[in-house]
């Protein structure tokens, strides 16, 4: 898979192109992209995705900010697993937002040789979202490409969407998140030095430095799998501010205790995949009460992860 950071300079022939934000690459996205890839292979085209960063709604002021389910690099890697051969993550700026749908389409046809354009139901291209379904269909007939608008996947009466998954994540509903994604939600970051409290208590943890714009689960304790150096290891992950230790504010942390493991991981990348929420964050009367609860968390996680392996 080739991943380009901009449309500028990209030259393709016979691109079958899916366009959208694709944050999270959830099951709805997967359905759309797999359909595009299958059609591209059947007709000898290049399965291609054009996506954007930052999210257009942030740049256009429809949201104050957004928390992403995937980094641009993670998104590209997920798309590659679906068979996409070329991913273009174009910078979405105010200047770009003022580009007309006609100019964008002309560029896609000239530079990428677009033969087929795929998008979701809520997609619109160009300034003021003028490139809606009807516009794209007319333009495709004129410029020589087909248009495929794919219906969303519906589950429990509502479409699977990035917004729905982010909401479930903020509530700690990992089961709902993982259903929407079609895989366990995961966070990746470098292991950094923390306050060393876990080691002092005899339960060492790896503090994971997560991208600040990344959506993370609600505060609490989770049964997780930790992936490090190609190993898949059972773990318990805490997200929160450690309320038992008053007066030592450090901000929110993502810290993972890998079961039956004592290697030095500082400076290494660590991926944590979330299986289930064990409990919400709580303040305990003292260290001994906290330790008793942590031991119970570990045993509960062992049982859950043994069943999920």
C-alpha atoms as a PDB file:
ATOM      1  CA  UNK A   1       0.000   0.000   0.000  1.00  0.00           C
ATOM      2  CA  UNK A   2       1.184   3.499  -0.855  1.00  0.00           C
ATOM      3  CA  UNK A   3       0.227   6.302   1.507  1.00  0.00           C
ATOM      4  CA  UNK A   4       0.502   9.838   0.139  1.00  0.00           C
ATOM      5  CA  UNK A   5       0.239  12.905   2.446  1.00  0.00           C
ATOM      6  CA  UNK A   6      -1.408  15.059  -0.243  1.00  0.00           C
ATOM      7  CA  UNK A   7      -3.102  14.880  -3.630  1.00  0.00           C
ATOM      8  CA  UNK A   8      -0.355  17.080  -5.044  1.00  0.00           C
ATOM      9  CA  UNK A   9       1.825  15.121  -7.421  1.00  0.00           C
ATOM     10  CA  UNK A  10      -0.117  11.856  -7.224  1.00  0.00           C
ATOM     11  CA  UNK A  11      -0.663  10.317 -10.646  1.00  0.00           C
ATOM     12  CA  UNK A  12      -2.747   7.186 -11.138  1.00  0.00           C
ATOM     13  CA  UNK A  13      -4.621   5.492 -13.927  1.00  0.00           C
ATOM     14  CA  UNK A  14      -8.041   3.903 -13.660  1.00  0.00           C
ATOM     15  CA  UNK A  15      -8.577   4.639  -9.976  1.00  0.00           C
ATOM     16  CA  UNK A  16     -11.621   3.240  -8.243  1.00  0.00           C
ATOM     17  CA  UNK A  17     -11.943   5.881  -5.558  1.00  0.00           C
ATOM     18  CA  UNK A  18     -13.674   5.905  -2.175  1.00  0.00           C
ATOM     19  CA  UNK A  19     -13.855   9.389  -0.627  1.00  0.00           C
ATOM     20  CA  UNK A  20     -14.631  10.236   3.001  1.00  0.00           C
ATOM     21  CA  UNK A  21     -13.254  10.725   6.481  1.00  0.00           C
ATOM     22  CA  UNK A  22     -13.293   6.997   7.385  1.00  0.00           C
ATOM     23  CA  UNK A  23     -12.337   7.717  11.011  1.00  0.00           C
ATOM     24  CA  UNK A  24     -12.114   4.391  12.816  1.00  0.00           C
ATOM     25  CA  UNK A  25     -12.620   2.362   9.616  1.00  0.00           C
ATOM     26  CA  UNK A  26     -15.697   0.867  11.283  1.00  0.00           C
ATOM     27  CA  UNK A  27     -17.954  -1.856   9.877  1.00  0.00           C
ATOM     28  CA  UNK A  28     -19.901   0.610   7.745  1.00  0.00           C
ATOM     29  CA  UNK A  29     -16.675   1.911   6.221  1.00  0.00           C
ATOM     30  CA  UNK A  30     -15.461  -1.652   5.744  1.00  0.00           C
ATOM     31  CA  UNK A  31     -18.594  -2.561   3.810  1.00  0.00           C
ATOM     32  CA  UNK A  32     -18.170   0.416   1.470  1.00  0.00           C
ATOM     33  CA  UNK A  33     -14.440  -0.085   0.947  1.00  0.00           C
ATOM     34  CA  UNK A  34     -14.676  -3.837   0.374  1.00  0.00           C
ATOM     35  CA  UNK A  35     -17.353  -3.237  -2.276  1.00  0.00           C
ATOM     36  CA  UNK A  36     -15.100  -0.709  -4.008  1.00  0.00           C
ATOM     37  CA  UNK A  37     -12.075  -3.014  -3.845  1.00  0.00           C
ATOM     38  CA  UNK A  38     -14.031  -5.934  -5.317  1.00  0.00           C
ATOM     39  CA  UNK A  39     -15.259  -3.776  -8.204  1.00  0.00           C
ATOM     40  CA  UNK A  40     -11.751  -2.434  -8.838  1.00  0.00           C
ATOM     41  CA  UNK A  41     -10.289  -5.939  -8.993  1.00  0.00           C
ATOM     42  CA  UNK A  42     -13.089  -7.121 -11.295  1.00  0.00           C
ATOM     43  CA  UNK A  43     -12.393  -4.285 -13.746  1.00  0.00           C
ATOM     44  CA  UNK A  44      -8.607  -4.087 -13.476  1.00  0.00           C
ATOM     45  CA  UNK A  45      -8.567  -0.779 -11.610  1.00  0.00           C
ATOM     46  CA  UNK A  46      -6.579   0.547  -8.660  1.00  0.00           C
ATOM     47  CA  UNK A  47      -8.462   0.475  -5.317  1.00  0.00           C
ATOM     48  CA  UNK A  48      -7.866   3.956  -3.913  1.00  0.00           C
ATOM     49  CA  UNK A  49      -9.086   5.989  -0.919  1.00  0.00           C
ATOM     50  CA  UNK A  50      -9.032   9.770  -0.626  1.00  0.00           C
ATOM     51  CA  UNK A  51      -9.435  10.943   2.948  1.00  0.00           C
ATOM     52  CA  UNK A  52      -8.646  14.095   4.891  1.00  0.00           C
ATOM     53  CA  UNK A  53      -6.947  15.446   7.984  1.00  0.00           C
ATOM     54  CA  UNK A  54      -7.912  17.393  10.053  1.00  0.00           C
ATOM     55  CA  UNK A  55     -11.583  16.423  10.057  1.00  0.00           C
ATOM     56  CA  UNK A  56     -13.514  18.861   7.814  1.00  0.00           C
ATOM     57  CA  UNK A  57     -16.085  19.643  10.516  1.00  0.00           C
ATOM     58  CA  UNK A  58     -13.326  20.997  12.778  1.00  0.00           C
ATOM     59  CA  UNK A  59     -11.821  23.225  10.093  1.00  0.00           C
ATOM     60  CA  UNK A  60     -15.249  24.528   9.117  1.00  0.00           C
ATOM     61  CA  UNK A  61     -16.187  25.282  12.725  1.00  0.00           C
ATOM     62  CA  UNK A  62     -19.031  22.788  13.005  1.00  0.00           C
ATOM     63  CA  UNK A  63     -17.153  21.229  15.945  1.00  0.00           C
ATOM     64  CA  UNK A  64     -14.825  22.935  18.404  1.00  0.00           C
ATOM     65  CA  UNK A  65     -12.590  19.874  18.208  1.00  0.00           C
ATOM     66  CA  UNK A  66     -12.786  16.188  17.508  1.00  0.00           C
ATOM     67  CA  UNK A  67     -11.215  13.146  19.070  1.00  0.00           C
ATOM     68  CA  UNK A  68     -10.125  10.610  16.503  1.00  0.00           C
ATOM     69  CA  UNK A  69     -10.742   6.866  16.661  1.00  0.00           C
ATOM     70  CA  UNK A  70      -7.615   6.297  14.569  1.00  0.00           C
ATOM     71  CA  UNK A  71      -4.513   8.281  13.707  1.00  0.00           C
ATOM     72  CA  UNK A  72      -4.030   8.981   9.979  1.00  0.00           C
ATOM     73  CA  UNK A  73      -1.363   6.258   9.889  1.00  0.00           C
ATOM     74  CA  UNK A  74      -3.594   3.728  11.667  1.00  0.00           C
ATOM     75  CA  UNK A  75      -6.450   4.572   9.326  1.00  0.00           C
ATOM     76  CA  UNK A  76      -4.256   3.967   6.270  1.00  0.00           C
ATOM     77  CA  UNK A  77      -3.052   0.645   7.684  1.00  0.00           C
ATOM     78  CA  UNK A  78      -6.639  -0.458   8.341  1.00  0.00           C
ATOM     79  CA  UNK A  79      -7.635   0.471   4.790  1.00  0.00           C
ATOM     80  CA  UNK A  80      -4.675  -1.500   3.427  1.00  0.00           C
ATOM     81  CA  UNK A  81      -5.946  -4.596   5.239  1.00  0.00           C
ATOM     82  CA  UNK A  82      -9.180  -4.231   3.252  1.00  0.00           C
ATOM     83  CA  UNK A  83      -7.263  -4.376  -0.020  1.00  0.00           C
ATOM     84  CA  UNK A  84      -6.782  -0.671  -0.719  1.00  0.00           C
ATOM     85  CA  UNK A  85      -3.589  -0.116  -2.706  1.00  0.00           C
ATOM     86  CA  UNK A  86      -3.356   3.683  -2.537  1.00  0.00           C
ATOM     87  CA  UNK A  87      -4.394   5.957   0.354  1.00  0.00           C
ATOM     88  CA  UNK A  88      -4.232   9.731  -0.032  1.00  0.00           C
ATOM     89  CA  UNK A  89      -4.612  11.754   3.189  1.00  0.00           C
ATOM     90  CA  UNK A  90      -5.063  15.274   1.881  1.00  0.00           C
ATOM     91  CA  UNK A  91      -4.745  18.266   4.256  1.00  0.00           C
ATOM     92  CA  UNK A  92      -8.170  19.807   4.785  1.00  0.00           C
ATOM     93  CA  UNK A  93      -7.731  23.568   5.056  1.00  0.00           C
ATOM     94  CA  UNK A  94     -10.013  26.590   4.744  1.00  0.00           C
ATOM     95  CA  UNK A  95      -8.566  27.262   1.301  1.00  0.00           C
ATOM     96  CA  UNK A  96      -9.322  23.721   0.196  1.00  0.00           C
ATOM     97  CA  UNK A  97     -12.858  23.988   1.604  1.00  0.00           C
ATOM     98  CA  UNK A  98     -13.548  26.794  -0.858  1.00  0.00           C
ATOM     99  CA  UNK A  99     -12.665  24.631  -3.861  1.00  0.00           C
ATOM    100  CA  UNK A 100     -15.702  23.958  -6.034  1.00  0.00           C
ATOM    101  CA  UNK A 101     -16.962  20.437  -6.564  1.00  0.00           C
ATOM    102  CA  UNK A 102     -16.341  20.870 -10.298  1.00  0.00           C
ATOM    103  CA  UNK A 103     -12.669  21.728  -9.755  1.00  0.00           C
ATOM    104  CA  UNK A 104     -12.119  18.812  -7.391  1.00  0.00           C
ATOM    105  CA  UNK A 105     -13.748  16.338  -9.751  1.00  0.00           C
ATOM    106  CA  UNK A 106     -11.792  17.635 -12.719  1.00  0.00           C
ATOM    107  CA  UNK A 107      -8.592  17.153 -10.751  1.00  0.00           C
ATOM    108  CA  UNK A 108      -9.538  13.633  -9.681  1.00  0.00           C
ATOM    109  CA  UNK A 109     -10.276  12.630 -13.248  1.00  0.00           C
ATOM    110  CA  UNK A 110      -7.136  14.259 -14.680  1.00  0.00           C
ATOM    111  CA  UNK A 111      -4.687  13.142 -11.975  1.00  0.00           C
ATOM    112  CA  UNK A 112      -6.112   9.831 -10.802  1.00  0.00           C
ATOM    113  CA  UNK A 113      -7.985   8.654 -13.872  1.00  0.00           C
ATOM    114  CA  UNK A 114     -11.082   8.069 -11.754  1.00  0.00           C
ATOM    115  CA  UNK A 115     -13.439   5.508 -13.279  1.00  0.00           C
ATOM    116  CA  UNK A 116     -15.635   4.926 -10.271  1.00  0.00           C
ATOM    117  CA  UNK A 117     -16.389   7.090  -7.215  1.00  0.00           C
ATOM    118  CA  UNK A 118     -17.713   5.612  -3.968  1.00  0.00           C
ATOM    119  CA  UNK A 119     -19.066   7.411  -0.896  1.00  0.00           C
ATOM    120  CA  UNK A 120     -21.528   7.129   1.966  1.00  0.00           C
ATOM    121  CA  UNK A 121     -25.056   8.533   2.087  1.00  0.00           C
ATOM    122  CA  UNK A 122     -24.102  11.697   3.998  1.00  0.00           C
ATOM    123  CA  UNK A 123     -21.182  12.579   1.712  1.00  0.00           C
ATOM    124  CA  UNK A 124     -20.970  15.830  -0.241  1.00  0.00           C
ATOM    125  CA  UNK A 125     -17.980  17.260  -2.076  1.00  0.00           C
ATOM    126  CA  UNK A 126     -16.748  20.797  -2.558  1.00  0.00           C
ATOM    127  CA  UNK A 127     -17.590  24.286  -1.341  1.00  0.00           C
ATOM    128  CA  UNK A 128     -20.868  24.506   0.595  1.00  0.00           C
ATOM    129  CA  UNK A 129     -21.309  20.753   0.055  1.00  0.00           C
ATOM    130  CA  UNK A 130     -22.537  21.428  -3.471  1.00  0.00           C
ATOM    131  CA  UNK A 131     -21.324  18.042  -4.738  1.00  0.00           C
ATOM    132  CA  UNK A 132     -24.222  15.977  -3.412  1.00  0.00           C
ATOM    133  CA  UNK A 133     -25.497  12.686  -4.825  1.00  0.00           C
ATOM    134  CA  UNK A 134     -27.413  14.228  -7.709  1.00  0.00           C
ATOM    135  CA  UNK A 135     -24.541  16.552  -8.619  1.00  0.00           C
ATOM    136  CA  UNK A 136     -22.008  13.723  -8.576  1.00  0.00           C
ATOM    137  CA  UNK A 137     -24.211  11.506 -10.727  1.00  0.00           C
ATOM    138  CA  UNK A 138     -24.592  14.226 -13.365  1.00  0.00           C
ATOM    139  CA  UNK A 139     -20.895  15.051 -13.263  1.00  0.00           C
ATOM    140  CA  UNK A 140     -19.951  11.382 -13.563  1.00  0.00           C
ATOM    141  CA  UNK A 141     -22.051  10.979 -16.694  1.00  0.00           C
ATOM    142  CA  UNK A 142     -20.290  13.985 -18.182  1.00  0.00           C
ATOM    143  CA  UNK A 143     -16.743  13.148 -17.088  1.00  0.00           C
ATOM    144  CA  UNK A 144     -16.848   9.398 -17.587  1.00  0.00           C
ATOM    145  CA  UNK A 145     -16.999   7.839 -14.121  1.00  0.00           C
ATOM    146  CA  UNK A 146     -19.651   5.883 -12.258  1.00  0.00           C
ATOM    147  CA  UNK A 147     -20.987   6.972  -8.877  1.00  0.00           C
ATOM    148  CA  UNK A 148     -21.839   4.521  -6.083  1.00  0.00           C
ATOM    149  CA  UNK A 149     -23.517   5.882  -2.957  1.00  0.00           C
ATOM    150  CA  UNK A 150     -23.546   3.154  -0.310  1.00  0.00           C
ATOM    151  CA  UNK A 151     -26.247   2.905   2.336  1.00  0.00           C
ATOM    152  CA  UNK A 152     -25.099   2.833   5.980  1.00  0.00           C
ATOM    153  CA  UNK A 153     -25.122  -0.369   7.975  1.00  0.00           C
ATOM    154  CA  UNK A 154     -27.981  -0.333  10.474  1.00  0.00           C
ATOM    155  CA  UNK A 155     -27.682  -1.984  13.881  1.00  0.00           C
ATOM    156  CA  UNK A 156     -30.284  -1.772  16.649  1.00  0.00           C
ATOM    157  CA  UNK A 157     -32.259   0.728  14.607  1.00  0.00           C
ATOM    158  CA  UNK A 158     -29.449   3.230  14.019  1.00  0.00           C
ATOM    159  CA  UNK A 159     -26.572   3.576  11.545  1.00  0.00           C
ATOM    160  CA  UNK A 160     -23.103   2.480  12.607  1.00  0.00           C
ATOM    161  CA  UNK A 161     -21.117   5.717  12.620  1.00  0.00           C
ATOM    162  CA  UNK A 162     -17.926   7.204  14.006  1.00  0.00           C
ATOM    163  CA  UNK A 163     -20.020   9.572  16.134  1.00  0.00           C
ATOM    164  CA  UNK A 164     -21.965   6.687  17.648  1.00  0.00           C
ATOM    165  CA  UNK A 165     -18.751   4.798  18.412  1.00  0.00           C
ATOM    166  CA  UNK A 166     -17.111   7.852  19.995  1.00  0.00           C
ATOM    167  CA  UNK A 167     -20.158   8.322  22.211  1.00  0.00           C
ATOM    168  CA  UNK A 168     -20.042   4.695  23.353  1.00  0.00           C
ATOM    169  CA  UNK A 169     -16.317   5.026  24.006  1.00  0.00           C
ATOM    170  CA  UNK A 170     -16.870   8.099  26.185  1.00  0.00           C
ATOM    171  CA  UNK A 171     -19.351   6.038  28.219  1.00  0.00           C
ATOM    172  CA  UNK A 172     -16.950   3.110  28.601  1.00  0.00           C
ATOM    173  CA  UNK A 173     -19.249   0.819  26.606  1.00  0.00           C
ATOM    174  CA  UNK A 174     -16.469  -1.296  25.094  1.00  0.00           C
ATOM    175  CA  UNK A 175     -18.870  -3.986  23.895  1.00  0.00           C
ATOM    176  CA  UNK A 176     -20.749  -1.413  21.774  1.00  0.00           C
ATOM    177  CA  UNK A 177     -17.496   0.126  20.531  1.00  0.00           C
ATOM    178  CA  UNK A 178     -16.065  -3.220  19.470  1.00  0.00           C
ATOM    179  CA  UNK A 179     -19.310  -4.239  17.747  1.00  0.00           C
ATOM    180  CA  UNK A 180     -19.247  -1.040  15.718  1.00  0.00           C
ATOM    181  CA  UNK A 181     -15.592  -1.370  14.791  1.00  0.00           C
ATOM    182  CA  UNK A 182     -15.769  -5.092  14.102  1.00  0.00           C
ATOM    183  CA  UNK A 183     -12.597  -5.518  16.169  1.00  0.00           C
ATOM    184  CA  UNK A 184     -11.279  -4.569  19.617  1.00  0.00           C
ATOM    185  CA  UNK A 185     -10.659  -0.869  20.087  1.00  0.00           C
ATOM    186  CA  UNK A 186      -6.915  -0.260  20.438  1.00  0.00           C
ATOM    187  CA  UNK A 187      -4.552   2.480  21.586  1.00  0.00           C
ATOM    188  CA  UNK A 188      -0.897   2.651  20.580  1.00  0.00           C
ATOM    189  CA  UNK A 189       1.815   4.782  22.140  1.00  0.00           C
ATOM    190  CA  UNK A 190       5.325   4.809  23.473  1.00  0.00           C
ATOM    191  CA  UNK A 191       5.944   3.576  27.004  1.00  0.00           C
ATOM    192  CA  UNK A 192       7.113   6.518  29.105  1.00  0.00           C
ATOM    193  CA  UNK A 193       8.196   7.041  32.700  1.00  0.00           C
ATOM    194  CA  UNK A 194       5.430   7.687  35.204  1.00  0.00           C
ATOM    195  CA  UNK A 195       5.202   8.171  38.959  1.00  0.00           C
ATOM    196  CA  UNK A 196       6.429   4.594  39.616  1.00  0.00           C
ATOM    197  CA  UNK A 197       3.530   3.966  42.016  1.00  0.00           C
ATOM    198  CA  UNK A 198       2.697   0.614  40.438  1.00  0.00           C
ATOM    199  CA  UNK A 199       6.224  -0.662  40.916  1.00  0.00           C
ATOM    200  CA  UNK A 200       6.211   0.586  44.516  1.00  0.00           C
ATOM    201  CA  UNK A 201       2.992  -1.348  45.147  1.00  0.00           C
ATOM    202  CA  UNK A 202       4.403  -4.480  43.529  1.00  0.00           C
ATOM    203  CA  UNK A 203       2.161  -4.175  40.473  1.00  0.00           C
ATOM    204  CA  UNK A 204       4.266  -2.432  37.800  1.00  0.00           C
ATOM    205  CA  UNK A 205       2.494  -0.622  34.993  1.00  0.00           C
ATOM    206  CA  UNK A 206       3.539   0.678  31.600  1.00  0.00           C
ATOM    207  CA  UNK A 207       2.439   4.287  31.045  1.00  0.00           C
ATOM    208  CA  UNK A 208       1.367   4.679  27.429  1.00  0.00           C
ATOM    209  CA  UNK A 209       1.814   8.120  25.842  1.00  0.00           C
ATOM    210  CA  UNK A 210      -1.280   8.413  23.640  1.00  0.00           C
ATOM    211  CA  UNK A 211      -1.713  11.025  20.900  1.00  0.00           C
ATOM    212  CA  UNK A 212      -3.538  13.970  22.518  1.00  0.00           C
ATOM    213  CA  UNK A 213      -6.211  14.077  19.794  1.00  0.00           C
ATOM    214  CA  UNK A 214      -7.032  10.388  20.243  1.00  0.00           C
ATOM    215  CA  UNK A 215     -10.406   9.316  21.597  1.00  0.00           C
ATOM    216  CA  UNK A 216      -9.956   7.118  24.658  1.00  0.00           C
ATOM    217  CA  UNK A 217     -12.375   5.113  26.789  1.00  0.00           C
ATOM    218  CA  UNK A 218     -14.073   6.560  29.863  1.00  0.00           C
ATOM    219  CA  UNK A 219     -12.126   6.507  33.108  1.00  0.00           C
ATOM    220  CA  UNK A 220     -12.052   3.067  34.615  1.00  0.00           C
ATOM    221  CA  UNK A 221     -10.348  -0.325  34.602  1.00  0.00           C
ATOM    222  CA  UNK A 222     -10.387  -2.629  31.583  1.00  0.00           C
ATOM    223  CA  UNK A 223      -9.394  -6.160  30.611  1.00  0.00           C
ATOM    224  CA  UNK A 224      -7.019  -5.739  27.691  1.00  0.00           C
ATOM    225  CA  UNK A 225      -4.469  -7.441  25.475  1.00  0.00           C
ATOM    226  CA  UNK A 226      -1.059  -5.791  25.252  1.00  0.00           C
ATOM    227  CA  UNK A 227       0.967  -6.179  22.087  1.00  0.00           C
ATOM    228  CA  UNK A 228       4.687  -5.554  22.373  1.00  0.00           C
ATOM    229  CA  UNK A 229       7.529  -6.911  20.221  1.00  0.00           C
ATOM    230  CA  UNK A 230       5.038  -9.118  18.314  1.00  0.00           C
ATOM    231  CA  UNK A 231       3.814 -10.700  21.568  1.00  0.00           C
ATOM    232  CA  UNK A 232       0.132 -10.762  22.546  1.00  0.00           C
ATOM    233  CA  UNK A 233      -0.055 -10.601  26.349  1.00  0.00           C
ATOM    234  CA  UNK A 234      -2.964 -10.465  28.836  1.00  0.00           C
ATOM    235  CA  UNK A 235      -3.177  -7.205  30.747  1.00  0.00           C
ATOM    236  CA  UNK A 236      -5.269  -4.843  32.851  1.00  0.00           C
ATOM    237  CA  UNK A 237      -5.437  -1.190  31.833  1.00  0.00           C
ATOM    238  CA  UNK A 238      -6.398   1.753  34.015  1.00  0.00           C
ATOM    239  CA  UNK A 239      -7.530   5.078  32.571  1.00  0.00           C
ATOM    240  CA  UNK A 240      -7.896   7.931  35.005  1.00  0.00           C
ATOM    241  CA  UNK A 241      -6.315  10.329  37.459  1.00  0.00           C
ATOM    242  CA  UNK A 242      -5.532   7.946  40.366  1.00  0.00           C
ATOM    243  CA  UNK A 243      -7.944   9.592  42.843  1.00  0.00           C
ATOM    244  CA  UNK A 244      -6.697   7.539  45.805  1.00  0.00           C
ATOM    245  CA  UNK A 245      -3.439   9.491  45.713  1.00  0.00           C
ATOM    246  CA  UNK A 246      -4.761  12.939  46.607  1.00  0.00           C
ATOM    247  CA  UNK A 247      -2.670  16.051  46.220  1.00  0.00           C
ATOM    248  CA  UNK A 248      -0.433  14.630  43.499  1.00  0.00           C
ATOM    249  CA  UNK A 249      -2.233  15.614  40.322  1.00  0.00           C
ATOM    250  CA  UNK A 250      -0.589  14.251  37.190  1.00  0.00           C
ATOM    251  CA  UNK A 251      -3.421  14.493  34.721  1.00  0.00           C
ATOM    252  CA  UNK A 252      -5.154  11.561  33.105  1.00  0.00           C
ATOM    253  CA  UNK A 253      -3.019   8.502  32.417  1.00  0.00           C
ATOM    254  CA  UNK A 254      -3.299   5.297  30.412  1.00  0.00           C
ATOM    255  CA  UNK A 255      -1.383   2.669  32.361  1.00  0.00           C
ATOM    256  CA  UNK A 256      -1.226  -1.046  31.656  1.00  0.00           C
ATOM    257  CA  UNK A 257      -0.216  -3.881  33.958  1.00  0.00           C
ATOM    258  CA  UNK A 258       0.869  -6.873  31.870  1.00  0.00           C
ATOM    259  CA  UNK A 259       0.141 -10.066  33.739  1.00  0.00           C
ATOM    260  CA  UNK A 260       3.120 -12.230  34.787  1.00  0.00           C
ATOM    261  CA  UNK A 261       5.573  -9.923  33.023  1.00  0.00           C
ATOM    262  CA  UNK A 262       8.546  -7.988  34.351  1.00  0.00           C
ATOM    263  CA  UNK A 263      10.555  -6.758  31.353  1.00  0.00           C
ATOM    264  CA  UNK A 264      11.674  -3.152  30.874  1.00  0.00           C
ATOM    265  CA  UNK A 265       9.484  -1.559  28.176  1.00  0.00           C
ATOM    266  CA  UNK A 266      10.550   2.085  28.415  1.00  0.00           C
ATOM    267  CA  UNK A 267      10.820   3.713  25.003  1.00  0.00           C
ATOM    268  CA  UNK A 268       9.075   0.861  23.210  1.00  0.00           C
ATOM    269  CA  UNK A 269       5.766   1.108  21.313  1.00  0.00           C
ATOM    270  CA  UNK A 270       2.881  -0.656  23.028  1.00  0.00           C
ATOM    271  CA  UNK A 271      -0.581  -1.388  21.658  1.00  0.00           C
ATOM    272  CA  UNK A 272      -3.423  -2.021  24.090  1.00  0.00           C
ATOM    273  CA  UNK A 273      -6.612  -3.682  22.779  1.00  0.00           C
ATOM    274  CA  UNK A 274      -9.713  -3.342  24.949  1.00  0.00           C
ATOM    275  CA  UNK A 275     -11.865  -6.415  25.618  1.00  0.00           C
ATOM    276  CA  UNK A 276     -14.182  -5.431  28.488  1.00  0.00           C
ATOM    277  CA  UNK A 277     -14.726  -2.819  31.159  1.00  0.00           C
ATOM    278  CA  UNK A 278     -14.220  -4.193  34.656  1.00  0.00           C
ATOM    279  CA  UNK A 279     -15.305  -1.170  36.703  1.00  0.00           C
ATOM    280  CA  UNK A 280     -15.401   2.590  36.850  1.00  0.00           C
ATOM    281  CA  UNK A 281     -12.692   4.697  38.470  1.00  0.00           C
ATOM    282  CA  UNK A 282     -12.982   4.829  42.258  1.00  0.00           C
ATOM    283  CA  UNK A 283     -11.276   6.442  45.208  1.00  0.00           C
ATOM    284  CA  UNK A 284     -10.266   4.019  47.958  1.00  0.00           C
ATOM    285  CA  UNK A 285      -9.780   4.620  51.675  1.00  0.00           C
ATOM    286  CA  UNK A 286      -6.122   3.691  51.491  1.00  0.00           C
ATOM    287  CA  UNK A 287      -3.414   1.778  49.686  1.00  0.00           C
ATOM    288  CA  UNK A 288      -4.374  -1.634  51.125  1.00  0.00           C
ATOM    289  CA  UNK A 289      -7.984  -1.290  49.937  1.00  0.00           C
ATOM    290  CA  UNK A 290      -6.699  -0.246  46.511  1.00  0.00           C
ATOM    291  CA  UNK A 291      -4.355  -3.227  46.342  1.00  0.00           C
ATOM    292  CA  UNK A 292      -7.145  -5.601  47.268  1.00  0.00           C
ATOM    293  CA  UNK A 293      -9.294  -4.232  44.443  1.00  0.00           C
ATOM    294  CA  UNK A 294      -6.417  -4.359  41.934  1.00  0.00           C
ATOM    295  CA  UNK A 295      -5.822  -8.025  42.744  1.00  0.00           C
ATOM    296  CA  UNK A 296      -9.528  -8.709  42.181  1.00  0.00           C
ATOM    297  CA  UNK A 297      -9.356  -6.799  38.871  1.00  0.00           C
ATOM    298  CA  UNK A 298      -6.421  -8.932  37.755  1.00  0.00           C
ATOM    299  CA  UNK A 299      -8.221 -12.191  38.506  1.00  0.00           C
ATOM    300  CA  UNK A 300     -11.372 -11.023  36.752  1.00  0.00           C
ATOM    301  CA  UNK A 301      -9.302  -9.989  33.741  1.00  0.00           C
ATOM    302  CA  UNK A 302      -7.552 -13.384  33.668  1.00  0.00           C
ATOM    303  CA  UNK A 303     -10.910 -15.137  33.442  1.00  0.00           C
ATOM    304  CA  UNK A 304     -12.300 -12.832  30.749  1.00  0.00           C
ATOM    305  CA  UNK A 305      -9.166 -12.928  28.623  1.00  0.00           C
ATOM    306  CA  UNK A 306      -8.849 -16.687  28.889  1.00  0.00           C
ATOM    307  CA  UNK A 307     -12.349 -16.939  27.401  1.00  0.00           C
ATOM    308  CA  UNK A 308     -11.561 -14.427  24.632  1.00  0.00           C
ATOM    309  CA  UNK A 309      -8.245 -15.952  23.527  1.00  0.00           C
END
